[in-house]
Amino acid sequence: MTRKDYVALAAAIRETRIPIERGLFLAGPEGSKSAALEAIESVELNIARVLYADNSRFDRNRFLKACRTAGTVQS
């Protein structure tokens, strides 16, 4: 995989996370929002683990930050 692939994955995760954080995705109780965010974080960590196994130079912290914040990741 390439850096471009990593950026695309982080963007896809971020796009899923944003409506949950804003409370737009779930109509249930606040606990549902918390559970949904925990699930997203679990997915983020598992994907980061797989990407590191693919490339030992993979920057896990940078990937996780990209999953959780808007904007593009700089080199």
PDB file of N, CA and C in Angstrom:
ATOM      1  N   MET A   1       0.830  -1.174   0.000  1.00  0.00           N
ATOM      2  CA  MET A   1       0.000   0.000   0.000  1.00  0.00           C
ATOM      3  C   MET A   1       0.884   1.251   0.000  1.00  0.00           C
ATOM      4  N   THR A   2       0.316   2.308  -0.484  1.00  0.00           N
ATOM      5  CA  THR A   2       1.066   3.555  -0.571  1.00  0.00           C
ATOM      6  C   THR A   2       0.513   4.573   0.429  1.00  0.00           C
ATOM      7  N   ARG A   3       1.249   5.670   0.587  1.00  0.00           N
ATOM      8  CA  ARG A   3       0.802   6.754   1.458  1.00  0.00           C
ATOM      9  C   ARG A   3      -0.577   7.249   1.012  1.00  0.00           C
ATOM     10  N   LYS A   4      -0.788   7.295  -0.278  1.00  0.00           N
ATOM     11  CA  LYS A   4      -2.077   7.723  -0.825  1.00  0.00           C
ATOM     12  C   LYS A   4      -3.201   6.810  -0.310  1.00  0.00           C
ATOM     13  N   ASP A   5      -2.936   5.518  -0.225  1.00  0.00           N
ATOM     14  CA  ASP A   5      -3.925   4.576   0.301  1.00  0.00           C
ATOM     15  C   ASP A   5      -4.197   4.846   1.775  1.00  0.00           C
ATOM     16  N   TYR A   6      -3.139   5.105   2.540  1.00  0.00           N
ATOM     17  CA  TYR A   6      -3.301   5.389   3.969  1.00  0.00           C
ATOM     18  C   TYR A   6      -4.138   6.643   4.181  1.00  0.00           C
ATOM     19  N   VAL A   7      -3.880   7.666   3.396  1.00  0.00           N
ATOM     20  CA  VAL A   7      -4.631   8.919   3.503  1.00  0.00           C
ATOM     21  C   VAL A   7      -6.095   8.677   3.154  1.00  0.00           C
ATOM     22  N   ALA A   8      -6.348   7.881   2.133  1.00  0.00           N
ATOM     23  CA  ALA A   8      -7.722   7.582   1.725  1.00  0.00           C
ATOM     24  C   ALA A   8      -8.464   6.813   2.823  1.00  0.00           C
ATOM     25  N   LEU A   9      -7.792   5.869   3.457  1.00  0.00           N
ATOM     26  CA  LEU A   9      -8.408   5.129   4.555  1.00  0.00           C
ATOM     27  C   LEU A   9      -8.733   6.046   5.724  1.00  0.00           C
ATOM     28  N   ALA A  10      -7.799   6.899   6.092  1.00  0.00           N
ATOM     29  CA  ALA A  10      -8.031   7.833   7.196  1.00  0.00           C
ATOM     30  C   ALA A  10      -9.213   8.752   6.878  1.00  0.00           C
ATOM     31  N   ALA A  11      -9.295   9.211   5.656  1.00  0.00           N
ATOM     32  CA  ALA A  11     -10.398  10.087   5.253  1.00  0.00           C
ATOM     33  C   ALA A  11     -11.734   9.352   5.346  1.00  0.00           C
ATOM     34  N   ALA A  12     -11.764   8.103   4.936  1.00  0.00           N
ATOM     35  CA  ALA A  12     -12.997   7.314   5.004  1.00  0.00           C
ATOM     36  C   ALA A  12     -13.446   7.131   6.447  1.00  0.00           C
ATOM     37  N   ILE A  13     -12.502   6.874   7.322  1.00  0.00           N
ATOM     38  CA  ILE A  13     -12.835   6.726   8.740  1.00  0.00           C
ATOM     39  C   ILE A  13     -13.338   8.053   9.300  1.00  0.00           C
ATOM     40  N   ARG A  14     -12.649   9.131   8.976  1.00  0.00           N
ATOM     41  CA  ARG A  14     -13.036  10.450   9.462  1.00  0.00           C
ATOM     42  C   ARG A  14     -14.449  10.805   8.995  1.00  0.00           C
ATOM     43  N   GLU A  15     -14.768  10.483   7.752  1.00  0.00           N
ATOM     44  CA  GLU A  15     -16.095  10.774   7.208  1.00  0.00           C
ATOM     45  C   GLU A  15     -17.175  10.009   7.972  1.00  0.00           C
ATOM     46  N   THR A  16     -16.844   8.833   8.488  1.00  0.00           N
ATOM     47  CA  THR A  16     -17.781   8.050   9.284  1.00  0.00           C
ATOM     48  C   THR A  16     -17.906   8.624  10.687  1.00  0.00           C
ATOM     49  N   ARG A  17     -16.802   9.107  11.221  1.00  0.00           N
ATOM     50  CA  ARG A  17     -16.740   9.615  12.594  1.00  0.00           C
ATOM     51  C   ARG A  17     -17.492  10.942  12.756  1.00  0.00           C
ATOM     52  N   ILE A  18     -17.411  11.825  11.792  1.00  0.00           N
ATOM     53  CA  ILE A  18     -17.945  13.183  11.925  1.00  0.00           C
ATOM     54  C   ILE A  18     -19.442  13.206  12.268  1.00  0.00           C
ATOM     55  N   PRO A  19     -20.307  12.508  11.537  1.00  0.00           N
ATOM     56  CA  PRO A  19     -21.727  12.576  11.897  1.00  0.00           C
ATOM     57  C   PRO A  19     -22.018  11.986  13.278  1.00  0.00           C
ATOM     58  N   ILE A  20     -21.240  11.003  13.696  1.00  0.00           N
ATOM     59  CA  ILE A  20     -21.431  10.424  15.030  1.00  0.00           C
ATOM     60  C   ILE A  20     -21.076  11.461  16.089  1.00  0.00           C
ATOM     61  N   GLU A  21     -19.936  12.132  15.901  1.00  0.00           N
ATOM     62  CA  GLU A  21     -19.522  13.151  16.860  1.00  0.00           C
ATOM     63  C   GLU A  21     -20.530  14.291  16.950  1.00  0.00           C
ATOM     64  N   ARG A  22     -21.137  14.617  15.847  1.00  0.00           N
ATOM     65  CA  ARG A  22     -22.109  15.722  15.819  1.00  0.00           C
ATOM     66  C   ARG A  22     -23.507  15.284  16.238  1.00  0.00           C
ATOM     67  N   GLY A  23     -23.670  13.996  16.516  1.00  0.00           N
ATOM     68  CA  GLY A  23     -24.965  13.492  16.948  1.00  0.00           C
ATOM     69  C   GLY A  23     -25.970  13.366  15.834  1.00  0.00           C
ATOM     70  N   LEU A  24     -25.506  13.359  14.589  1.00  0.00           N
ATOM     71  CA  LEU A  24     -26.416  13.301  13.441  1.00  0.00           C
ATOM     72  C   LEU A  24     -26.699  11.879  12.988  1.00  0.00           C
ATOM     73  N   PHE A  25     -25.862  10.956  13.388  1.00  0.00           N
ATOM     74  CA  PHE A  25     -25.943   9.596  12.883  1.00  0.00           C
ATOM     75  C   PHE A  25     -26.914   8.735  13.685  1.00  0.00           C
ATOM     76  N   LEU A  26     -26.916   8.932  14.976  1.00  0.00           N
ATOM     77  CA  LEU A  26     -27.731   8.096  15.851  1.00  0.00           C
ATOM     78  C   LEU A  26     -28.859   8.904  16.485  1.00  0.00           C
ATOM     79  N   ALA A  27     -30.033   8.348  16.474  1.00  0.00           N
ATOM     80  CA  ALA A  27     -31.172   9.023  17.092  1.00  0.00           C
ATOM     81  C   ALA A  27     -31.389   8.522  18.518  1.00  0.00           C
ATOM     82  N   GLY A  28     -30.608   7.544  18.943  1.00  0.00           N
ATOM     83  CA  GLY A  28     -30.774   6.933  20.263  1.00  0.00           C
ATOM     84  C   GLY A  28     -30.199   7.779  21.378  1.00  0.00           C
ATOM     85  N   PRO A  29     -30.124   7.202  22.568  1.00  0.00           N
ATOM     86  CA  PRO A  29     -29.598   7.918  23.728  1.00  0.00           C
ATOM     87  C   PRO A  29     -28.114   8.242  23.579  1.00  0.00           C
ATOM     88  N   GLU A  30     -27.638   9.148  24.421  1.00  0.00           N
ATOM     89  CA  GLU A  30     -26.235   9.579  24.385  1.00  0.00           C
ATOM     90  C   GLU A  30     -25.282   8.398  24.477  1.00  0.00           C
ATOM     91  N   GLY A  31     -25.631   7.370  25.219  1.00  0.00           N
ATOM     92  CA  GLY A  31     -24.783   6.184  25.329  1.00  0.00           C
ATOM     93  C   GLY A  31     -24.534   5.529  23.986  1.00  0.00           C
ATOM     94  N   SER A  32     -25.499   5.647  23.078  1.00  0.00           N
ATOM     95  CA  SER A  32     -25.326   5.079  21.742  1.00  0.00           C
ATOM     96  C   SER A  32     -24.217   5.794  20.989  1.00  0.00           C
ATOM     97  N   LYS A  33     -24.149   7.112  21.161  1.00  0.00           N
ATOM     98  CA  LYS A  33     -23.093   7.897  20.526  1.00  0.00           C
ATOM     99  C   LYS A  33     -21.741   7.455  21.060  1.00  0.00           C
ATOM    100  N   SER A  34     -21.652   7.285  22.363  1.00  0.00           N
ATOM    101  CA  SER A  34     -20.406   6.850  22.985  1.00  0.00           C
ATOM    102  C   SER A  34     -20.001   5.469  22.478  1.00  0.00           C
ATOM    103  N   ALA A  35     -20.957   4.560  22.409  1.00  0.00           N
ATOM    104  CA  ALA A  35     -20.666   3.204  21.927  1.00  0.00           C
ATOM    105  C   ALA A  35     -20.230   3.231  20.467  1.00  0.00           C
ATOM    106  N   ALA A  36     -20.863   4.074  19.676  1.00  0.00           N
ATOM    107  CA  ALA A  36     -20.501   4.175  18.261  1.00  0.00           C
ATOM    108  C   ALA A  36     -19.083   4.710  18.107  1.00  0.00           C
ATOM    109  N   LEU A  37     -18.722   5.728  18.898  1.00  0.00           N
ATOM    110  CA  LEU A  37     -17.360   6.271  18.823  1.00  0.00           C
ATOM    111  C   LEU A  37     -16.329   5.246  19.287  1.00  0.00           C
ATOM    112  N   GLU A  38     -16.662   4.470  20.310  1.00  0.00           N
ATOM    113  CA  GLU A  38     -15.751   3.407  20.752  1.00  0.00           C
ATOM    114  C   GLU A  38     -15.546   2.381  19.641  1.00  0.00           C
ATOM    115  N   ALA A  39     -16.605   2.066  18.918  1.00  0.00           N
ATOM    116  CA  ALA A  39     -16.497   1.114  17.813  1.00  0.00           C
ATOM    117  C   ALA A  39     -15.606   1.666  16.709  1.00  0.00           C
ATOM    118  N   ILE A  40     -15.780   2.950  16.372  1.00  0.00           N
ATOM    119  CA  ILE A  40     -14.949   3.582  15.343  1.00  0.00           C
ATOM    120  C   ILE A  40     -13.486   3.567  15.786  1.00  0.00           C
ATOM    121  N   GLU A  41     -13.233   3.884  17.049  1.00  0.00           N
ATOM    122  CA  GLU A  41     -11.855   3.896  17.554  1.00  0.00           C
ATOM    123  C   GLU A  41     -11.238   2.505  17.491  1.00  0.00           C
ATOM    124  N   SER A  42     -12.023   1.485  17.755  1.00  0.00           N
ATOM    125  CA  SER A  42     -11.534   0.116  17.649  1.00  0.00           C
ATOM    126  C   SER A  42     -11.151  -0.204  16.207  1.00  0.00           C
ATOM    127  N   VAL A  43     -11.979   0.233  15.271  1.00  0.00           N
ATOM    128  CA  VAL A  43     -11.677   0.024  13.847  1.00  0.00           C
ATOM    129  C   VAL A  43     -10.396   0.769  13.473  1.00  0.00           C
ATOM    130  N   GLU A  44     -10.264   2.007  13.935  1.00  0.00           N
ATOM    131  CA  GLU A  44      -9.058   2.794  13.651  1.00  0.00           C
ATOM    132  C   GLU A  44      -7.805   2.057  14.128  1.00  0.00           C
ATOM    133  N   LEU A  45      -7.847   1.572  15.358  1.00  0.00           N
ATOM    134  CA  LEU A  45      -6.681   0.881  15.923  1.00  0.00           C
ATOM    135  C   LEU A  45      -6.371  -0.418  15.179  1.00  0.00           C
ATOM    136  N   ASN A  46      -7.404  -1.161  14.814  1.00  0.00           N
ATOM    137  CA  ASN A  46      -7.179  -2.408  14.077  1.00  0.00           C
ATOM    138  C   ASN A  46      -6.605  -2.155  12.691  1.00  0.00           C
ATOM    139  N   ILE A  47      -7.108  -1.140  12.008  1.00  0.00           N
ATOM    140  CA  ILE A  47      -6.569  -0.804  10.687  1.00  0.00           C
ATOM    141  C   ILE A  47      -5.126  -0.336  10.823  1.00  0.00           C
ATOM    142  N   ALA A  48      -4.842   0.480  11.838  1.00  0.00           N
ATOM    143  CA  ALA A  48      -3.470   0.943  12.059  1.00  0.00           C
ATOM    144  C   ALA A  48      -2.536  -0.243  12.293  1.00  0.00           C
ATOM    145  N   ARG A  49      -2.991  -1.235  13.036  1.00  0.00           N
ATOM    146  CA  ARG A  49      -2.179  -2.431  13.281  1.00  0.00           C
ATOM    147  C   ARG A  49      -1.867  -3.160  11.975  1.00  0.00           C
ATOM    148  N   VAL A  50      -2.873  -3.300  11.133  1.00  0.00           N
ATOM    149  CA  VAL A  50      -2.692  -3.985   9.845  1.00  0.00           C
ATOM    150  C   VAL A  50      -1.742  -3.192   8.940  1.00  0.00           C
ATOM    151  N   LEU A  51      -1.897  -1.882   8.911  1.00  0.00           N
ATOM    152  CA  LEU A  51      -1.034  -1.061   8.069  1.00  0.00           C
ATOM    153  C   LEU A  51       0.415  -1.090   8.547  1.00  0.00           C
ATOM    154  N   TYR A  52       0.615  -1.129   9.869  1.00  0.00           N
ATOM    155  CA  TYR A  52       1.981  -1.227  10.399  1.00  0.00           C
ATOM    156  C   TYR A  52       2.592  -2.583  10.026  1.00  0.00           C
ATOM    157  N   ALA A  53       1.787  -3.635  10.055  1.00  0.00           N
ATOM    158  CA  ALA A  53       2.280  -4.960   9.659  1.00  0.00           C
ATOM    159  C   ALA A  53       2.690  -4.957   8.184  1.00  0.00           C
ATOM    160  N   ASP A  54       2.007  -4.155   7.382  1.00  0.00           N
ATOM    161  CA  ASP A  54       2.321  -4.031   5.958  1.00  0.00           C
ATOM    162  C   ASP A  54       3.586  -3.202   5.737  1.00  0.00           C
ATOM    163  N   ASN A  55       3.816  -2.206   6.624  1.00  0.00           N
ATOM    164  CA  ASN A  55       4.934  -1.286   6.436  1.00  0.00           C
ATOM    165  C   ASN A  55       5.428  -0.824   7.808  1.00  0.00           C
ATOM    166  N   SER A  56       6.590  -1.267   8.220  1.00  0.00           N
ATOM    167  CA  SER A  56       7.112  -0.940   9.547  1.00  0.00           C
ATOM    168  C   SER A  56       7.415   0.552   9.713  1.00  0.00           C
ATOM    169  N   ARG A  57       7.468   1.293   8.622  1.00  0.00           N
ATOM    170  CA  ARG A  57       7.694   2.745   8.706  1.00  0.00           C
ATOM    171  C   ARG A  57       6.376   3.519   8.850  1.00  0.00           C
ATOM    172  N   PHE A  58       5.274   2.805   8.819  1.00  0.00           N
ATOM    173  CA  PHE A  58       3.952   3.411   8.966  1.00  0.00           C
ATOM    174  C   PHE A  58       3.877   4.157  10.298  1.00  0.00           C
ATOM    175  N   ASP A  59       3.393   5.395  10.264  1.00  0.00           N
ATOM    176  CA  ASP A  59       3.286   6.237  11.452  1.00  0.00           C
ATOM    177  C   ASP A  59       1.867   6.126  12.024  1.00  0.00           C
ATOM    178  N   ARG A  60       1.721   5.258  13.019  1.00  0.00           N
ATOM    179  CA  ARG A  60       0.421   4.971  13.614  1.00  0.00           C
ATOM    180  C   ARG A  60      -0.224   6.231  14.181  1.00  0.00           C
ATOM    181  N   ASN A  61       0.521   7.023  14.935  1.00  0.00           N
ATOM    182  CA  ASN A  61      -0.034   8.227  15.557  1.00  0.00           C
ATOM    183  C   ASN A  61      -0.518   9.232  14.518  1.00  0.00           C
ATOM    184  N   ARG A  62       0.224   9.377  13.469  1.00  0.00           N
ATOM    185  CA  ARG A  62      -0.165  10.302  12.397  1.00  0.00           C
ATOM    186  C   ARG A  62      -1.447   9.827  11.723  1.00  0.00           C
ATOM    187  N   PHE A  63      -1.552   8.522  11.503  1.00  0.00           N
ATOM    188  CA  PHE A  63      -2.749   7.947  10.898  1.00  0.00           C
ATOM    189  C   PHE A  63      -3.959   8.174  11.796  1.00  0.00           C
ATOM    190  N   LEU A  64      -3.811   7.886  13.087  1.00  0.00           N
ATOM    191  CA  LEU A  64      -4.929   8.051  14.015  1.00  0.00           C
ATOM    192  C   LEU A  64      -5.354   9.514  14.096  1.00  0.00           C
ATOM    193  N   LYS A  65      -4.398  10.424  14.090  1.00  0.00           N
ATOM    194  CA  LYS A  65      -4.722  11.856  14.101  1.00  0.00           C
ATOM    195  C   LYS A  65      -5.507  12.219  12.835  1.00  0.00           C
ATOM    196  N   ALA A  66      -5.092  11.670  11.702  1.00  0.00           N
ATOM    197  CA  ALA A  66      -5.775  11.946  10.437  1.00  0.00           C
ATOM    198  C   ALA A  66      -7.200  11.388  10.450  1.00  0.00           C
ATOM    199  N   CYS A  67      -7.406  10.288  11.149  1.00  0.00           N
ATOM    200  CA  CYS A  67      -8.741   9.705  11.261  1.00  0.00           C
ATOM    201  C   CYS A  67      -9.667  10.578  12.082  1.00  0.00           C
ATOM    202  N   ARG A  68      -9.090  11.365  12.972  1.00  0.00           N
ATOM    203  CA  ARG A  68      -9.886  12.074  13.967  1.00  0.00           C
ATOM    204  C   ARG A  68      -9.986  13.571  13.768  1.00  0.00           C
ATOM    205  N   THR A  69      -9.225  14.120  12.832  1.00  0.00           N
ATOM    206  CA  THR A  69      -9.253  15.572  12.642  1.00  0.00           C
ATOM    207  C   THR A  69      -9.477  15.908  11.180  1.00  0.00           C
ATOM    208  N   ALA A  70     -10.116  17.030  10.967  1.00  0.00           N
ATOM    209  CA  ALA A  70     -10.371  17.483   9.597  1.00  0.00           C
ATOM    210  C   ALA A  70      -9.089  18.030   8.984  1.00  0.00           C
ATOM    211  N   GLY A  71      -9.061  18.099   7.690  1.00  0.00           N
ATOM    212  CA  GLY A  71      -7.893  18.627   6.992  1.00  0.00           C
ATOM    213  C   GLY A  71      -7.064  17.505   6.397  1.00  0.00           C
ATOM    214  N   THR A  72      -6.038  17.884   5.697  1.00  0.00           N
ATOM    215  CA  THR A  72      -5.183  16.898   5.053  1.00  0.00           C
ATOM    216  C   THR A  72      -3.942  16.672   5.876  1.00  0.00           C
ATOM    217  N   VAL A  73      -3.339  15.528   5.676  1.00  0.00           N
ATOM    218  CA  VAL A  73      -2.107  15.177   6.374  1.00  0.00           C
ATOM    219  C   VAL A  73      -0.938  15.653   5.538  1.00  0.00           C
ATOM    220  N   GLN A  74      -0.033  16.372   6.157  1.00  0.00           N
ATOM    221  CA  GLN A  74       1.137  16.879   5.452  1.00  0.00           C
ATOM    222  C   GLN A  74       2.273  15.884   5.534  1.00  0.00           C
ATOM    223  N   SER A  75       3.188  15.945   4.566  1.00  0.00           N
ATOM    224  CA  SER A  75       4.358  15.066   4.552  1.00  0.00           C
ATOM    225  C   SER A  75       5.301  15.401   5.675  1.00  0.00           C
TER     226      SER A  75
END
